[in-house]
Amino acid sequence: MARPFFTYILRCSDRSYYVGHTDELERRLAEHETGATCGYTAARRPVQLVWFQEFLTREEAKAAEAQIKKWSRRKKEALIEGRMEELRAAARKDWVSYRQRRAG
């Protein structure tokens, strides 16, 4: 049986989100929690696993990671909280607000 791969989201102590992928979720979480990795989460501990999904291949997990990293905070929180209708709504571009932000 093939080893599964995971895409995951951590909530950091500064309330930011970190998105990653791995084939050993428990080991990777331990690395984040102990600061063993010299990356984004090392200075933002403690971290909390708030969402994960299992994939059959590394490519699928990496693709999901890349997609989620581009998302707004609103979309990430809708995913974390399982609010699929809000996630779909957040995916639609609000052109009026976009133009107002660009003009301001």
N, C-alpha and C. Protein backbone atom coordinates (compact mmCIF):
# COMPACT_ATOMS: atom_id res chain seq x y z
N MET A 1 0.85 -1.18 0.00
CA MET A 1 0.00 0.00 0.00
C MET A 1 0.89 1.25 0.00
N ALA A 2 0.58 2.17 -0.86
CA ALA A 2 1.38 3.39 -0.99
C ALA A 2 1.15 4.32 0.20
N ARG A 3 2.19 5.03 0.54
CA ARG A 3 2.12 6.00 1.62
C ARG A 3 1.30 7.21 1.16
N PRO A 4 0.39 7.70 2.00
CA PRO A 4 -0.39 8.88 1.61
C PRO A 4 0.44 10.16 1.77
N PHE A 5 -0.02 11.20 1.13
CA PHE A 5 0.57 12.53 1.23
C PHE A 5 -0.49 13.47 1.78
N PHE A 6 -0.04 14.53 2.41
CA PHE A 6 -0.96 15.45 3.07
C PHE A 6 -0.65 16.89 2.70
N THR A 7 -1.69 17.68 2.57
CA THR A 7 -1.58 19.13 2.55
C THR A 7 -2.19 19.58 3.86
N TYR A 8 -1.56 20.55 4.51
CA TYR A 8 -2.02 20.96 5.83
C TYR A 8 -1.91 22.47 6.01
N ILE A 9 -2.70 22.97 6.97
CA ILE A 9 -2.65 24.38 7.35
C ILE A 9 -2.41 24.45 8.85
N LEU A 10 -1.43 25.29 9.22
CA LEU A 10 -1.15 25.56 10.62
C LEU A 10 -1.55 26.99 10.94
N ARG A 11 -2.10 27.20 12.12
CA ARG A 11 -2.32 28.55 12.63
C ARG A 11 -1.15 28.85 13.56
N CYS A 12 -0.44 29.93 13.27
CA CYS A 12 0.72 30.32 14.05
C CYS A 12 0.31 31.22 15.21
N SER A 13 1.24 31.44 16.14
CA SER A 13 0.94 32.24 17.33
C SER A 13 0.57 33.68 16.98
N ASP A 14 1.03 34.18 15.84
CA ASP A 14 0.67 35.54 15.42
C ASP A 14 -0.63 35.57 14.60
N ARG A 15 -1.34 34.44 14.59
CA ARG A 15 -2.62 34.25 13.89
C ARG A 15 -2.47 34.18 12.37
N SER A 16 -1.26 34.11 11.87
CA SER A 16 -1.06 33.89 10.44
C SER A 16 -1.21 32.40 10.15
N TYR A 17 -1.29 32.07 8.87
CA TYR A 17 -1.43 30.68 8.47
C TYR A 17 -0.21 30.23 7.67
N TYR A 18 0.16 28.99 7.88
CA TYR A 18 1.24 28.37 7.13
C TYR A 18 0.64 27.16 6.41
N VAL A 19 0.90 27.04 5.12
CA VAL A 19 0.40 25.92 4.33
C VAL A 19 1.59 25.10 3.86
N GLY A 20 1.50 23.78 4.02
CA GLY A 20 2.59 22.91 3.60
C GLY A 20 2.07 21.56 3.13
N HIS A 21 3.01 20.70 2.71
CA HIS A 21 2.65 19.33 2.36
C HIS A 21 3.76 18.40 2.85
N THR A 22 3.39 17.15 3.08
CA THR A 22 4.33 16.17 3.60
C THR A 22 3.79 14.77 3.38
N ASP A 23 4.68 13.79 3.54
CA ASP A 23 4.23 12.40 3.53
C ASP A 23 4.26 11.80 4.94
N GLU A 24 4.71 12.58 5.92
CA GLU A 24 4.72 12.15 7.32
C GLU A 24 4.19 13.29 8.18
N LEU A 25 2.89 13.36 8.29
CA LEU A 25 2.23 14.50 8.94
C LEU A 25 2.66 14.66 10.40
N GLU A 26 2.67 13.60 11.18
CA GLU A 26 3.02 13.71 12.60
C GLU A 26 4.46 14.18 12.78
N ARG A 27 5.39 13.65 12.00
CA ARG A 27 6.78 14.06 12.09
C ARG A 27 6.94 15.53 11.72
N ARG A 28 6.27 15.93 10.64
CA ARG A 28 6.38 17.30 10.17
C ARG A 28 5.79 18.28 11.19
N LEU A 29 4.67 17.92 11.80
CA LEU A 29 4.08 18.78 12.83
C LEU A 29 5.03 18.93 14.02
N ALA A 30 5.66 17.83 14.41
CA ALA A 30 6.63 17.88 15.51
C ALA A 30 7.78 18.81 15.17
N GLU A 31 8.24 18.79 13.93
CA GLU A 31 9.32 19.69 13.50
C GLU A 31 8.89 21.15 13.62
N HIS A 32 7.67 21.43 13.20
CA HIS A 32 7.16 22.81 13.32
C HIS A 32 7.04 23.22 14.79
N GLU A 33 6.53 22.31 15.62
CA GLU A 33 6.28 22.63 17.02
C GLU A 33 7.56 22.84 17.81
N THR A 34 8.62 22.14 17.46
CA THR A 34 9.88 22.27 18.19
C THR A 34 10.79 23.34 17.60
N GLY A 35 10.43 23.85 16.44
CA GLY A 35 11.28 24.84 15.79
C GLY A 35 12.45 24.22 15.07
N ALA A 36 12.40 22.90 14.82
CA ALA A 36 13.49 22.20 14.15
C ALA A 36 13.69 22.67 12.72
N THR A 37 12.67 23.25 12.15
CA THR A 37 12.80 23.80 10.80
C THR A 37 13.07 25.29 10.92
N CYS A 38 14.04 25.76 10.19
CA CYS A 38 14.40 27.19 10.23
C CYS A 38 13.62 27.93 9.16
N GLY A 39 12.35 27.99 9.33
CA GLY A 39 11.51 28.62 8.33
C GLY A 39 10.49 29.54 8.96
N TYR A 40 9.41 29.73 8.26
CA TYR A 40 8.36 30.65 8.64
C TYR A 40 7.83 30.40 10.05
N THR A 41 7.60 29.14 10.39
CA THR A 41 6.96 28.84 11.67
C THR A 41 7.91 28.88 12.86
N ALA A 42 9.21 28.83 12.62
CA ALA A 42 10.17 28.78 13.73
C ALA A 42 10.03 29.96 14.67
N ALA A 43 9.75 31.13 14.14
CA ALA A 43 9.60 32.33 14.97
C ALA A 43 8.15 32.62 15.33
N ARG A 44 7.25 31.71 14.97
CA ARG A 44 5.82 31.95 15.19
C ARG A 44 5.18 30.82 15.99
N ARG A 45 5.96 30.20 16.85
CA ARG A 45 5.45 29.11 17.67
C ARG A 45 4.75 29.65 18.91
N PRO A 46 3.83 28.91 19.46
CA PRO A 46 3.40 27.58 19.03
C PRO A 46 2.49 27.63 17.80
N VAL A 47 2.42 26.51 17.14
CA VAL A 47 1.56 26.37 15.98
C VAL A 47 0.48 25.33 16.28
N GLN A 48 -0.61 25.42 15.54
CA GLN A 48 -1.72 24.48 15.75
C GLN A 48 -2.19 23.99 14.39
N LEU A 49 -2.31 22.68 14.24
CA LEU A 49 -2.86 22.10 13.03
C LEU A 49 -4.35 22.41 13.00
N VAL A 50 -4.80 23.11 11.95
CA VAL A 50 -6.22 23.48 11.89
C VAL A 50 -6.94 22.82 10.71
N TRP A 51 -6.18 22.26 9.76
CA TRP A 51 -6.81 21.59 8.62
C TRP A 51 -5.77 20.71 7.94
N PHE A 52 -6.23 19.57 7.42
CA PHE A 52 -5.38 18.76 6.56
C PHE A 52 -6.26 17.91 5.65
N GLN A 53 -5.67 17.49 4.54
CA GLN A 53 -6.36 16.59 3.61
C GLN A 53 -5.33 15.60 3.09
N GLU A 54 -5.76 14.38 2.93
CA GLU A 54 -4.91 13.30 2.43
C GLU A 54 -5.03 13.18 0.91
N PHE A 55 -3.90 12.90 0.25
CA PHE A 55 -3.85 12.73 -1.19
C PHE A 55 -3.10 11.44 -1.52
N LEU A 56 -3.37 10.91 -2.71
CA LEU A 56 -2.71 9.68 -3.13
C LEU A 56 -1.29 9.91 -3.61
N THR A 57 -1.02 11.08 -4.18
CA THR A 57 0.31 11.34 -4.73
C THR A 57 0.88 12.66 -4.20
N ARG A 58 2.21 12.76 -4.22
CA ARG A 58 2.87 13.99 -3.83
C ARG A 58 2.47 15.14 -4.75
N GLU A 59 2.32 14.85 -6.02
CA GLU A 59 1.94 15.89 -6.98
C GLU A 59 0.61 16.52 -6.62
N GLU A 60 -0.36 15.70 -6.22
CA GLU A 60 -1.68 16.24 -5.83
C GLU A 60 -1.55 17.10 -4.58
N ALA A 61 -0.77 16.64 -3.60
CA ALA A 61 -0.59 17.40 -2.36
C ALA A 61 0.11 18.72 -2.64
N LYS A 62 1.14 18.71 -3.48
CA LYS A 62 1.86 19.94 -3.82
C LYS A 62 0.97 20.91 -4.58
N ALA A 63 0.13 20.39 -5.48
CA ALA A 63 -0.79 21.25 -6.23
C ALA A 63 -1.79 21.91 -5.30
N ALA A 64 -2.32 21.16 -4.34
CA ALA A 64 -3.27 21.72 -3.37
C ALA A 64 -2.58 22.77 -2.52
N GLU A 65 -1.35 22.49 -2.08
CA GLU A 65 -0.58 23.47 -1.30
C GLU A 65 -0.40 24.77 -2.08
N ALA A 66 0.03 24.65 -3.32
CA ALA A 66 0.26 25.84 -4.15
C ALA A 66 -1.02 26.65 -4.34
N GLN A 67 -2.12 25.97 -4.54
CA GLN A 67 -3.40 26.65 -4.73
C GLN A 67 -3.83 27.38 -3.46
N ILE A 68 -3.78 26.69 -2.32
CA ILE A 68 -4.24 27.27 -1.06
C ILE A 68 -3.36 28.44 -0.63
N LYS A 69 -2.05 28.35 -0.89
CA LYS A 69 -1.14 29.45 -0.53
C LYS A 69 -1.54 30.76 -1.19
N LYS A 70 -2.15 30.70 -2.35
CA LYS A 70 -2.56 31.90 -3.08
C LYS A 70 -3.87 32.49 -2.56
N TRP A 71 -4.59 31.73 -1.76
CA TRP A 71 -5.89 32.15 -1.30
C TRP A 71 -5.81 33.28 -0.27
N SER A 72 -6.90 34.03 -0.19
CA SER A 72 -7.04 35.06 0.84
C SER A 72 -7.25 34.39 2.20
N ARG A 73 -7.07 35.18 3.23
CA ARG A 73 -7.32 34.69 4.59
C ARG A 73 -8.78 34.22 4.71
N ARG A 74 -9.69 34.95 4.12
CA ARG A 74 -11.13 34.61 4.17
C ARG A 74 -11.36 33.21 3.58
N LYS A 75 -10.75 32.93 2.45
CA LYS A 75 -10.94 31.61 1.82
C LYS A 75 -10.31 30.52 2.67
N LYS A 76 -9.12 30.76 3.22
CA LYS A 76 -8.48 29.76 4.07
C LYS A 76 -9.34 29.46 5.29
N GLU A 77 -9.89 30.49 5.91
CA GLU A 77 -10.72 30.28 7.09
C GLU A 77 -12.02 29.57 6.76
N ALA A 78 -12.58 29.84 5.60
CA ALA A 78 -13.79 29.11 5.18
C ALA A 78 -13.46 27.63 5.00
N LEU A 79 -12.31 27.32 4.41
CA LEU A 79 -11.89 25.92 4.24
C LEU A 79 -11.68 25.27 5.60
N ILE A 80 -10.95 25.93 6.47
CA ILE A 80 -10.66 25.39 7.80
C ILE A 80 -11.94 25.08 8.56
N GLU A 81 -12.91 25.97 8.46
CA GLU A 81 -14.16 25.83 9.22
C GLU A 81 -15.22 25.03 8.48
N GLY A 82 -14.89 24.55 7.27
CA GLY A 82 -15.83 23.71 6.52
C GLY A 82 -17.01 24.46 5.96
N ARG A 83 -16.87 25.75 5.77
CA ARG A 83 -17.96 26.56 5.22
C ARG A 83 -17.82 26.62 3.70
N MET A 84 -18.25 25.56 3.04
CA MET A 84 -18.04 25.41 1.61
C MET A 84 -18.78 26.47 0.78
N GLU A 85 -19.96 26.86 1.20
CA GLU A 85 -20.70 27.88 0.44
C GLU A 85 -19.96 29.22 0.50
N GLU A 86 -19.43 29.55 1.67
CA GLU A 86 -18.66 30.78 1.80
C GLU A 86 -17.35 30.69 1.01
N LEU A 87 -16.76 29.52 0.97
CA LEU A 87 -15.54 29.32 0.17
C LEU A 87 -15.83 29.57 -1.30
N ARG A 88 -16.94 29.05 -1.79
CA ARG A 88 -17.32 29.29 -3.19
C ARG A 88 -17.60 30.77 -3.44
N ALA A 89 -18.26 31.42 -2.50
CA ALA A 89 -18.55 32.85 -2.65
C ALA A 89 -17.27 33.67 -2.64
N ALA A 90 -16.32 33.30 -1.80
CA ALA A 90 -15.06 34.03 -1.72
C ALA A 90 -14.22 33.83 -2.98
N ALA A 91 -14.49 32.76 -3.69
CA ALA A 91 -13.74 32.49 -4.92
C ALA A 91 -14.18 33.40 -6.06
N ARG A 92 -15.37 33.93 -5.96
CA ARG A 92 -15.86 34.84 -7.01
C ARG A 92 -15.25 36.23 -6.80
N LYS A 93 -14.78 36.81 -7.84
CA LYS A 93 -14.14 38.12 -7.78
C LYS A 93 -15.18 39.21 -7.57
N ASP A 94 -14.95 40.05 -6.59
CA ASP A 94 -15.80 41.20 -6.31
C ASP A 94 -15.16 42.39 -7.02
N TRP A 95 -15.56 42.63 -8.25
CA TRP A 95 -14.92 43.64 -9.07
C TRP A 95 -15.14 45.05 -8.56
N VAL A 96 -16.27 45.32 -7.93
CA VAL A 96 -16.54 46.66 -7.41
C VAL A 96 -15.54 46.98 -6.30
N SER A 97 -15.39 46.06 -5.34
CA SER A 97 -14.43 46.27 -4.26
C SER A 97 -13.00 46.33 -4.77
N TYR A 98 -12.70 45.51 -5.74
CA TYR A 98 -11.36 45.48 -6.34
C TYR A 98 -11.03 46.86 -6.94
N ARG A 99 -11.95 47.41 -7.72
CA ARG A 99 -11.72 48.72 -8.35
C ARG A 99 -11.59 49.82 -7.30
N GLN A 100 -12.38 49.72 -6.24
CA GLN A 100 -12.30 50.73 -5.18
C GLN A 100 -10.95 50.68 -4.46
N ARG A 101 -10.46 49.49 -4.21
CA ARG A 101 -9.14 49.34 -3.57
C ARG A 101 -8.04 49.88 -4.47
N ARG A 102 -8.13 49.60 -5.76
CA ARG A 102 -7.12 50.05 -6.71
C ARG A 102 -7.13 51.57 -6.88
N ALA A 103 -8.32 52.17 -6.80
CA ALA A 103 -8.45 53.62 -6.98
C ALA A 103 -8.00 54.37 -5.72
N GLY A 104 -8.14 53.73 -4.57
CA GLY A 104 -7.86 54.40 -3.30
C GLY A 104 -6.47 54.36 -2.94
